[in-house]
Amino acid sequence: MEPEKLIPIEIEAETAPEAEPQPEPEPEPDPAPAVAAQPSADPAVATTLHIPASDESGDETGGGEWELLTGKIRTWFDSGDFQKQLKQYSSPLKLLAGFLALLVVLRIYAALLGALESLPLVPGLLELAGVIWLSRFALTRLVRSSDRQALLASWQERWNSFRGQS
């Protein structure tokens, strides 16, 4: 049995018909810049400072920005409005403190769960305890219609109490 000889076949690619050239659109004239209305500035940030960089990079002053910042902070503390500003910013500060406290609690919770997960048999036992609790809950409170209605009514009452509607 002789091997068959392969004959190369050339395939010519079909060419798409050339599209007719489109005339270029005329450039539109640049619109005149509109004068934007200046919003009224908050008195706390009404001034804008432009401080040029200093040429002396070896000097300890660093171009005067540090002195300007410390001067502004000294002026702010010397003005005697610290109590007024503390009252003004108390709600955002409380929100920030609450957010940071929540972040710390979540980090501790995640570390605790990670430590429990690393112990042998603990994740499986906790899952088994959850399944047992759920099945007991379902058998005692979800089998009869009257028990389900009482459970839903208590949940609705708790929700309304939480929302402040009771």
Protein backbone atom coordinates (compact mmCIF):
# COMPACT_ATOMS: atom_id res chain seq x y z
CA MET A 1 0.00 0.00 0.00
CA GLU A 2 1.47 3.28 -1.10
CA PRO A 3 1.01 6.52 0.81
CA GLU A 4 -1.12 9.02 -1.00
CA LYS A 5 0.50 12.14 -2.27
CA LEU A 6 -0.86 15.39 -0.97
CA ILE A 7 -1.51 18.07 -3.52
CA PRO A 8 -1.41 21.63 -2.20
CA ILE A 9 -4.51 23.63 -3.03
CA GLU A 10 -4.41 27.39 -3.17
CA ILE A 11 -7.48 29.30 -2.06
CA GLU A 12 -7.94 32.81 -3.25
CA ALA A 13 -9.44 35.23 -0.76
CA GLU A 14 -12.45 37.10 -1.95
CA THR A 15 -12.07 40.82 -1.88
CA ALA A 16 -14.90 43.02 -0.69
CA PRO A 17 -16.00 45.78 -3.04
CA GLU A 18 -14.43 49.07 -2.11
CA ALA A 19 -16.74 51.59 -0.49
CA GLU A 20 -17.11 54.94 -2.12
CA PRO A 21 -15.16 57.67 -0.32
CA GLN A 22 -17.35 59.90 1.83
CA PRO A 23 -16.73 63.64 1.82
CA GLU A 24 -15.26 64.88 5.11
CA PRO A 25 -17.65 66.99 7.19
CA GLU A 26 -16.77 70.62 7.57
CA PRO A 27 -15.25 71.45 10.94
CA GLU A 28 -17.59 73.32 13.24
CA PRO A 29 -16.35 76.62 14.64
CA ASP A 30 -15.26 76.51 18.30
CA PRO A 31 -18.01 77.85 20.54
CA ALA A 32 -17.18 80.86 22.65
CA PRO A 33 -16.41 79.91 26.26
CA ALA A 34 -19.44 80.48 28.43
CA VAL A 35 -18.91 82.39 31.63
CA ALA A 36 -19.83 80.04 34.46
CA ALA A 37 -21.71 81.44 37.39
CA GLN A 38 -19.56 81.44 40.51
CA PRO A 39 -21.26 79.56 43.37
CA SER A 40 -21.34 81.33 46.68
CA ALA A 41 -18.45 80.01 48.72
CA ASP A 42 -18.77 78.70 52.24
CA PRO A 43 -17.05 81.15 54.61
CA ALA A 44 -14.94 78.33 56.02
CA VAL A 45 -13.35 77.70 52.61
CA ALA A 46 -13.75 81.09 50.97
CA THR A 47 -10.04 81.71 50.43
CA THR A 48 -7.83 79.90 47.99
CA LEU A 49 -4.11 80.01 48.52
CA HIS A 50 -1.55 79.49 45.80
CA ILE A 51 1.90 78.84 47.20
CA PRO A 52 4.70 78.56 44.68
CA ALA A 53 7.29 75.85 45.23
CA SER A 54 10.58 77.07 46.62
CA ASP A 55 13.84 76.67 44.77
CA GLU A 56 15.73 75.83 47.96
CA SER A 57 15.31 72.09 48.36
CA GLY A 58 18.07 71.76 50.99
CA ASP A 59 16.42 74.21 53.41
CA GLU A 60 14.61 72.72 56.45
CA THR A 61 11.61 75.00 56.07
CA GLY A 62 10.41 73.11 53.00
CA GLY A 63 9.12 76.10 51.08
CA GLY A 64 6.97 77.70 53.75
CA GLU A 65 4.01 75.32 53.49
CA TRP A 66 4.63 73.90 56.97
CA GLU A 67 4.78 77.35 58.56
CA LEU A 68 1.60 78.34 56.76
CA LEU A 69 -0.19 75.20 57.99
CA THR A 70 0.97 75.59 61.58
CA GLY A 71 0.05 79.26 61.49
CA LYS A 72 -3.47 78.44 60.31
CA ILE A 73 -3.85 75.79 63.04
CA ARG A 74 -2.57 78.21 65.72
CA THR A 75 -5.02 80.86 64.50
CA TRP A 76 -7.86 78.33 64.60
CA PHE A 77 -7.05 77.28 68.18
CA ASP A 78 -6.48 80.88 69.32
CA SER A 79 -9.80 82.05 67.90
CA GLY A 80 -11.69 80.43 70.82
CA ASP A 81 -14.30 78.86 68.52
CA PHE A 82 -13.17 75.33 69.33
CA GLN A 83 -16.29 74.52 71.39
CA LYS A 84 -18.56 75.97 68.71
CA GLN A 85 -16.84 74.00 65.97
CA LEU A 86 -16.90 70.85 68.10
CA LYS A 87 -20.68 71.22 68.42
CA GLN A 88 -20.97 71.88 64.70
CA TYR A 89 -19.02 68.75 63.75
CA SER A 90 -20.29 66.47 66.53
CA SER A 91 -22.67 64.40 64.37
CA PRO A 92 -20.10 63.62 61.63
CA LEU A 93 -17.55 62.80 64.33
CA LYS A 94 -20.02 60.47 66.03
CA LEU A 95 -20.74 58.82 62.68
CA LEU A 96 -17.02 58.36 62.02
CA ALA A 97 -16.44 56.95 65.53
CA GLY A 98 -19.38 54.55 65.07
CA PHE A 99 -18.01 53.42 61.72
CA LEU A 100 -14.56 52.81 63.20
CA ALA A 101 -16.07 50.90 66.15
CA LEU A 102 -18.09 48.75 63.74
CA LEU A 103 -14.95 48.08 61.71
CA VAL A 104 -13.05 46.98 64.83
CA VAL A 105 -15.91 44.71 65.97
CA LEU A 106 -16.13 43.09 62.52
CA ARG A 107 -12.36 42.52 62.46
CA ILE A 108 -12.48 40.86 65.90
CA TYR A 109 -15.48 38.76 64.85
CA ALA A 110 -13.70 37.63 61.68
CA ALA A 111 -10.59 36.72 63.67
CA LEU A 112 -12.70 34.73 66.15
CA LEU A 113 -14.44 32.83 63.35
CA GLY A 114 -11.09 32.15 61.71
CA ALA A 115 -9.71 30.77 64.96
CA LEU A 116 -12.76 28.54 65.44
CA GLU A 117 -12.56 27.31 61.86
CA SER A 118 -8.95 26.29 62.29
CA LEU A 119 -9.81 23.91 65.16
CA PRO A 120 -10.57 20.35 64.06
CA LEU A 121 -14.22 19.19 64.26
CA VAL A 122 -15.53 22.57 65.45
CA PRO A 123 -17.03 23.77 62.12
CA GLY A 124 -18.85 20.47 61.63
CA LEU A 125 -20.17 20.45 65.22
CA LEU A 126 -21.40 24.02 64.92
CA GLU A 127 -23.16 23.19 61.67
CA LEU A 128 -24.78 20.16 63.31
CA ALA A 129 -25.93 22.32 66.24
CA GLY A 130 -27.47 24.78 63.78
CA VAL A 131 -29.35 22.06 61.93
CA ILE A 132 -30.66 20.62 65.22
CA TRP A 133 -31.82 24.04 66.42
CA LEU A 134 -33.53 24.80 63.10
CA SER A 135 -35.35 21.47 63.04
CA ARG A 136 -36.57 21.90 66.65
CA PHE A 137 -37.71 25.46 65.85
CA ALA A 138 -39.59 24.25 62.78
CA LEU A 139 -41.24 21.37 64.64
CA THR A 140 -42.42 23.51 67.56
CA ARG A 141 -43.43 26.73 65.77
CA LEU A 142 -44.06 26.04 62.08
CA VAL A 143 -46.11 22.81 61.95
CA ARG A 144 -49.52 24.18 63.04
CA SER A 145 -51.16 27.11 61.31
CA SER A 146 -52.03 28.85 64.60
CA ASP A 147 -48.38 28.68 65.71
CA ARG A 148 -47.21 30.12 62.38
CA GLN A 149 -49.71 32.99 62.63
CA ALA A 150 -48.63 33.74 66.23
CA LEU A 151 -44.97 33.73 65.16
CA LEU A 152 -45.62 36.07 62.21
CA ALA A 153 -47.68 38.38 64.44
CA SER A 154 -44.84 38.59 66.98
CA TRP A 155 -42.33 39.31 64.22
CA GLN A 156 -44.61 42.02 62.79
CA GLU A 157 -44.96 43.56 66.27
CA ARG A 158 -41.18 43.57 66.74
CA TRP A 159 -40.68 45.16 63.30
CA ASN A 160 -43.21 47.90 64.04
CA SER A 161 -41.60 48.50 67.43
CA PHE A 162 -38.21 48.77 65.74
CA ARG A 163 -39.58 51.28 63.22
CA GLY A 164 -41.28 53.22 66.03
CA GLN A 165 -44.82 52.65 64.81
CA SER A 166 -46.26 50.94 67.90
